[in-house]
Every structure is written in C-alpha cells, then in structure tokens.
C-alpha cells in the first residue's frame, strides 16, 4: 500500500513540476523580450527573444507562446 501511495505522488508530481518549469521559462523569456525592447534590441539591433513571428500584443498570449513549445518538448519519456 505504501508503494502505491508513493507511486501516486510520482505520477501526479512529475507533470506538475514540468508544467511549473515550462511556465517559469515562459515568464522568463517574456521578461527578457521586454528588456530587449526597452534597450532597443541591446543597442545593436540584435533580436534574441522578441522575434517578429513570435511577438503578440497581449502579455498573457506572449507567455503562452513561449510556454507551450517548452511544455510540448517535455514528455514523461524525456525525463529518463
């Protein structure tokens, strides 16, 4: 019974960690894209984070644009 309980925590915990990590990376990339815009593309006209084909008007949509591909890249089989 104890092993089944630990198994449940692992099965439920890994997706939560992956989702949290993906969301964290999405927010970080969004903040870096804001910094890039404020500094006028690092003063060199060099775009690393605010790429034209990824840019959205809504901050929530922008975070999702960065989060979803990161989430899709992390499947349970990728953890091994």
Protein backbone atom coordinates (compact mmCIF):
# COMPACT_ATOMS: atom_id res chain seq x y z
CA UNK A 1 0.00 0.00 0.00
CA UNK A 2 2.82 2.39 0.80
CA UNK A 3 4.45 1.83 -2.59
CA UNK A 4 1.16 2.63 -4.34
CA UNK A 5 0.91 5.91 -2.42
CA UNK A 6 4.46 6.88 -3.40
CA UNK A 7 3.68 5.91 -6.98
CA UNK A 8 0.66 8.25 -6.98
CA UNK A 9 2.81 11.14 -5.78
CA UNK A 10 5.35 10.50 -8.53
CA UNK A 11 2.70 10.16 -11.23
CA UNK A 12 0.95 13.36 -10.13
CA UNK A 13 4.09 15.28 -9.17
CA UNK A 14 6.12 14.98 -12.37
CA UNK A 15 3.51 16.68 -14.61
CA UNK A 16 3.13 19.47 -12.04
CA UNK A 17 6.88 20.07 -11.96
CA UNK A 18 7.10 20.03 -15.76
CA UNK A 19 4.20 22.47 -16.09
CA UNK A 20 5.68 24.78 -13.46
CA UNK A 21 9.09 24.70 -15.08
CA UNK A 22 7.63 25.41 -18.53
CA UNK A 23 5.58 28.30 -17.16
CA UNK A 24 8.65 29.66 -15.37
CA UNK A 25 10.66 29.58 -18.60
CA UNK A 26 7.77 31.26 -20.43
CA UNK A 27 7.69 34.13 -17.94
CA UNK A 28 11.48 34.44 -18.02
CA UNK A 29 11.54 34.61 -21.81
CA UNK A 30 8.74 37.20 -21.75
CA UNK A 31 10.71 39.37 -19.31
CA UNK A 32 13.83 39.06 -21.44
CA UNK A 33 11.85 40.09 -24.53
CA UNK A 34 10.59 43.17 -22.63
CA UNK A 35 14.16 44.02 -21.64
CA UNK A 36 15.22 43.59 -25.25
CA UNK A 37 12.55 46.06 -26.41
CA UNK A 38 13.45 48.59 -23.70
CA UNK A 39 17.14 48.53 -24.64
CA UNK A 40 16.24 48.85 -28.33
CA UNK A 41 17.44 45.35 -29.14
CA UNK A 42 20.51 45.52 -26.90
CA UNK A 43 21.69 48.67 -28.69
CA UNK A 44 22.91 46.54 -31.60
CA UNK A 45 19.62 45.82 -33.41
CA UNK A 46 20.08 42.22 -32.36
CA UNK A 47 16.87 40.27 -31.67
CA UNK A 48 17.14 37.20 -29.50
CA UNK A 49 13.83 36.99 -27.66
CA UNK A 50 11.35 39.37 -29.35
CA UNK A 51 11.33 37.65 -32.72
CA UNK A 52 8.80 39.12 -35.18
CA UNK A 53 6.95 35.84 -35.82
CA UNK A 54 6.56 35.18 -32.06
CA UNK A 55 5.51 38.66 -30.95
CA UNK A 56 1.97 39.06 -29.58
CA UNK A 57 0.16 42.16 -28.29
CA UNK A 58 -1.18 40.56 -25.12
CA UNK A 59 1.30 39.69 -22.33
CA UNK A 60 -0.68 36.53 -21.48
CA UNK A 61 -0.62 35.38 -25.10
CA UNK A 62 3.11 36.11 -25.27
CA UNK A 63 3.82 33.99 -22.18
CA UNK A 64 1.73 31.16 -23.67
CA UNK A 65 3.64 31.42 -26.95
CA UNK A 66 6.85 30.83 -25.00
CA UNK A 67 5.39 28.23 -22.61
CA UNK A 68 3.55 25.80 -24.91
CA UNK A 69 6.55 24.72 -27.06
CA UNK A 70 8.60 24.29 -23.90
CA UNK A 71 5.82 22.13 -22.42
CA UNK A 72 5.48 20.04 -25.58
CA UNK A 73 9.21 19.29 -25.55
CA UNK A 74 8.99 17.71 -22.11
CA UNK A 75 7.17 14.41 -22.19
CA UNK A 76 7.42 11.85 -19.37
CA UNK A 77 9.67 9.68 -21.52
CA UNK A 78 12.12 12.59 -21.88
CA UNK A 79 12.90 12.52 -18.16
CA UNK A 80 14.84 9.27 -18.40
